Protein backbone atom coordinates (compact mmCIF):
# COMPACT_ATOMS: atom_id res chain seq x y z
CA UNK A 1 -98.90 146.85 -76.59
CA UNK A 2 -101.21 148.97 -75.14
CA UNK A 3 -101.49 152.08 -73.05
CA UNK A 4 -100.01 152.10 -69.32
CA UNK A 5 -100.77 154.25 -66.60
CA UNK A 6 -98.73 153.81 -63.42
CA UNK A 7 -99.56 154.99 -60.05
CA UNK A 8 -97.32 155.36 -57.03
CA UNK A 9 -98.59 154.65 -53.28
CA UNK A 10 -96.07 156.14 -51.18
CA UNK A 11 -97.52 156.60 -48.05
CA UNK A 12 -98.19 153.12 -46.04
CA UNK A 13 -100.90 154.93 -43.75
CA UNK A 14 -103.12 156.44 -46.51
CA UNK A 15 -103.66 154.87 -49.99
CA UNK A 16 -105.26 157.09 -52.12
CA UNK A 17 -107.28 155.48 -54.49
CA UNK A 18 -106.81 156.48 -58.36
CA UNK A 19 -110.08 157.34 -60.08
CA UNK A 20 -109.75 154.08 -62.43
CA UNK A 21 -112.85 152.12 -63.12
CA UNK A 22 -113.75 149.07 -61.33
CA UNK A 23 -112.76 147.11 -64.63
CA UNK A 24 -109.51 148.45 -65.42
CA UNK A 25 -106.83 145.67 -64.75
CA UNK A 26 -104.48 146.54 -62.03
CA UNK A 27 -101.40 144.88 -60.91
CA UNK A 28 -99.46 145.42 -57.82
CA UNK A 29 -95.50 145.31 -57.98
CA UNK A 30 -93.77 145.95 -54.50
CA UNK A 31 -90.58 146.71 -53.28
CA UNK A 32 -88.40 143.92 -52.24
CA UNK A 33 -87.53 145.04 -48.42
CA UNK A 34 -91.18 147.08 -47.56
CA UNK A 35 -92.81 145.56 -44.34
CA UNK A 36 -95.07 142.30 -45.18
CA UNK A 37 -97.05 143.95 -42.93
CA UNK A 38 -98.02 147.47 -44.17
CA UNK A 39 -97.88 145.87 -47.89
CA UNK A 40 -100.33 143.20 -47.37
CA UNK A 41 -102.89 145.90 -45.88
CA UNK A 42 -102.45 148.28 -48.67
CA UNK A 43 -103.24 145.39 -51.04
CA UNK A 44 -106.37 144.61 -49.27
CA UNK A 45 -107.12 147.95 -49.48
CA UNK A 46 -106.97 147.91 -53.44
CA UNK A 47 -108.35 144.86 -53.46
CA UNK A 48 -111.43 146.01 -52.13
CA UNK A 49 -111.54 148.65 -54.54
CA UNK A 50 -110.52 146.69 -57.43
CA UNK A 51 -112.01 144.00 -58.90
CA UNK A 52 -109.51 142.84 -61.25
CA UNK A 53 -106.68 143.19 -59.18
CA UNK A 54 -103.05 140.61 -59.61
CA UNK A 55 -101.06 140.24 -57.23
CA UNK A 56 -98.61 140.58 -55.70
CA UNK A 57 -98.03 137.42 -54.19
CA UNK A 58 -96.00 136.31 -50.82
CA UNK A 59 -92.66 135.86 -52.69
CA UNK A 60 -92.30 139.53 -53.73
CA UNK A 61 -90.94 140.51 -50.52
CA UNK A 62 -87.57 139.09 -50.03
CA UNK A 63 -87.37 135.98 -48.01
CA UNK A 64 -84.77 137.21 -46.15
CA UNK A 65 -86.77 141.03 -45.10
CA UNK A 66 -89.85 137.97 -44.51
CA UNK A 67 -88.26 136.31 -41.74
CA UNK A 68 -86.26 138.68 -40.57
CA UNK A 69 -89.53 140.39 -39.67
CA UNK A 70 -91.15 137.92 -38.51
CA UNK A 71 -88.45 136.95 -35.99
CA UNK A 72 -88.49 140.58 -34.40
CA UNK A 73 -92.46 140.01 -34.71
CA UNK A 74 -92.04 136.75 -32.42
CA UNK A 75 -89.28 138.60 -29.72
CA UNK A 76 -90.31 142.21 -29.64
CA UNK A 77 -93.28 142.37 -27.20
CA UNK A 78 -91.12 140.19 -24.77
CA UNK A 79 -88.04 142.50 -25.27
CA UNK A 80 -87.55 145.45 -22.93
CA UNK A 81 -84.94 147.23 -25.99
CA UNK A 82 -84.20 145.57 -29.65
CA UNK A 83 -81.36 146.47 -31.36
CA UNK A 84 -81.48 145.77 -35.13
CA UNK A 85 -77.87 146.13 -36.10
CA UNK A 86 -77.36 147.49 -40.32
CA UNK A 87 -76.17 150.53 -42.21
CA UNK A 88 -78.26 153.50 -41.57
CA UNK A 89 -79.61 153.49 -45.18
CA UNK A 90 -81.05 150.15 -45.66
CA UNK A 91 -84.44 150.15 -46.09
CA UNK A 92 -84.79 146.66 -44.76
CA UNK A 93 -83.10 147.68 -41.27
CA UNK A 94 -84.94 150.75 -40.70
CA UNK A 95 -88.36 148.47 -41.13
CA UNK A 96 -86.96 146.20 -39.08
CA UNK A 97 -86.98 148.73 -36.33
CA UNK A 98 -90.54 149.66 -37.01
CA UNK A 99 -91.90 145.82 -37.07
CA UNK A 100 -90.23 146.01 -33.53
CA UNK A 101 -92.25 148.94 -32.64
CA UNK A 102 -95.57 147.91 -34.17
CA UNK A 103 -95.45 144.88 -32.32
CA UNK A 104 -95.20 146.60 -29.11
CA UNK A 105 -91.35 147.08 -28.03
CA UNK A 106 -90.78 150.50 -27.04
CA UNK A 107 -87.37 151.00 -27.27
CA UNK A 108 -86.17 149.35 -30.81
CA UNK A 109 -82.78 151.04 -32.36
CA UNK A 110 -80.92 150.67 -35.38
CA UNK A 111 -77.32 150.72 -35.04
CA UNK A 112 -73.94 150.16 -37.25
CA UNK A 113 -71.95 148.76 -34.43
CA UNK A 114 -71.53 148.39 -31.23
CA UNK A 115 -69.88 151.50 -30.33
CA UNK A 116 -73.33 153.05 -31.01
CA UNK A 117 -75.52 151.52 -27.96
CA UNK A 118 -76.56 153.87 -25.90
CA UNK A 119 -75.26 151.98 -22.79
CA UNK A 120 -76.95 154.74 -20.36
CA UNK A 121 -80.57 154.36 -21.81
CA UNK A 122 -80.76 150.20 -20.62
CA UNK A 123 -81.22 150.93 -17.26
CA UNK A 124 -83.89 148.87 -15.62
CA UNK A 125 -83.86 147.28 -18.99
CA UNK A 126 -83.86 143.02 -18.37
CA UNK A 127 -84.47 141.34 -21.47
CA UNK A 128 -82.99 142.93 -24.94
CA UNK A 129 -82.90 141.60 -28.37
CA UNK A 130 -80.91 141.73 -31.23
CA UNK A 131 -81.27 141.09 -34.32
CA UNK A 132 -79.63 142.83 -37.85
CA UNK A 133 -80.93 143.20 -41.66
CA UNK A 134 -80.08 140.50 -44.18
CA UNK A 135 -76.97 142.33 -45.26
CA UNK A 136 -75.06 142.97 -42.04
CA UNK A 137 -72.51 140.61 -41.36
CA UNK A 138 -72.71 137.93 -39.00
CA UNK A 139 -69.04 139.57 -37.04
CA UNK A 140 -70.85 143.13 -36.25
CA UNK A 141 -73.66 140.76 -34.53
CA UNK A 142 -70.66 138.40 -32.85
CA UNK A 143 -69.17 142.56 -31.94
CA UNK A 144 -72.83 143.34 -30.55
CA UNK A 145 -72.92 139.88 -28.08
CA UNK A 146 -69.47 140.52 -27.05
CA UNK A 147 -70.02 144.23 -25.91
CA UNK A 148 -73.44 142.92 -23.67
CA UNK A 149 -71.24 140.26 -22.44
CA UNK A 150 -68.13 143.12 -21.16
CA UNK A 151 -71.49 144.96 -19.41
CA UNK A 152 -73.60 142.83 -18.31
CA UNK A 153 -74.21 139.06 -17.42
CA UNK A 154 -75.69 137.55 -20.98
CA UNK A 155 -77.79 134.60 -21.52
CA UNK A 156 -78.53 134.47 -25.16
CA UNK A 157 -81.94 132.71 -26.14
CA UNK A 158 -82.03 132.35 -29.76
CA UNK A 159 -85.48 132.75 -31.33
CA UNK A 160 -85.74 130.91 -34.71
CA UNK A 161 -88.87 131.35 -36.71
CA UNK A 162 -87.44 130.06 -40.15
CA UNK A 163 -84.70 128.26 -41.93
CA UNK A 164 -82.12 129.90 -44.68
CA UNK A 165 -80.56 127.30 -46.49
CA UNK A 166 -80.08 128.91 -49.67
CA UNK A 167 -77.11 129.33 -51.67
CA UNK A 168 -76.63 131.15 -54.20
CA UNK A 169 -73.92 129.90 -56.73
CA UNK A 170 -71.44 132.96 -58.12
CA UNK A 171 -71.26 133.39 -62.26
CA UNK A 172 -69.32 131.15 -64.21
CA UNK A 173 -66.75 133.98 -65.07
CA UNK A 174 -66.01 134.48 -61.48
CA UNK A 175 -66.13 130.73 -60.37
CA UNK A 176 -62.44 130.48 -61.85
């Protein structure tokens, strides 16, 4: 089929250019949980250098990742603090914290549960945002909201940037 050479862009802030000829066909593949904005910035840099660049299409980043990043960007500038609920080793959840900080929230934290909230750090913070990684169970979001209700008089405003109505069918072997 031909010879393939791969180059890994591992630093979102600095895309080092490989020494390929401009006519070399280039394909870009991305991890599905990367920052949508960071990925686009890296692809733009590569597209400026290589005229034969292919991909990635917008759909390469997981729809749930894309939707949650858009929602966090929509609220981050309005929040005095923003909590992302998710596993500490979740790329998706860690990325949401970065997106919140990049969108203007000075206090963004990744928490796994309500017990992780440092309540003293919320003094003089009036607008608190809450979001969750794609794999965080709804029960954890409810737990965090309940913890806030114990500590504060809470008014909830839901911000929706996309409607998710995907259904995933179980494999035939598991349906029985």
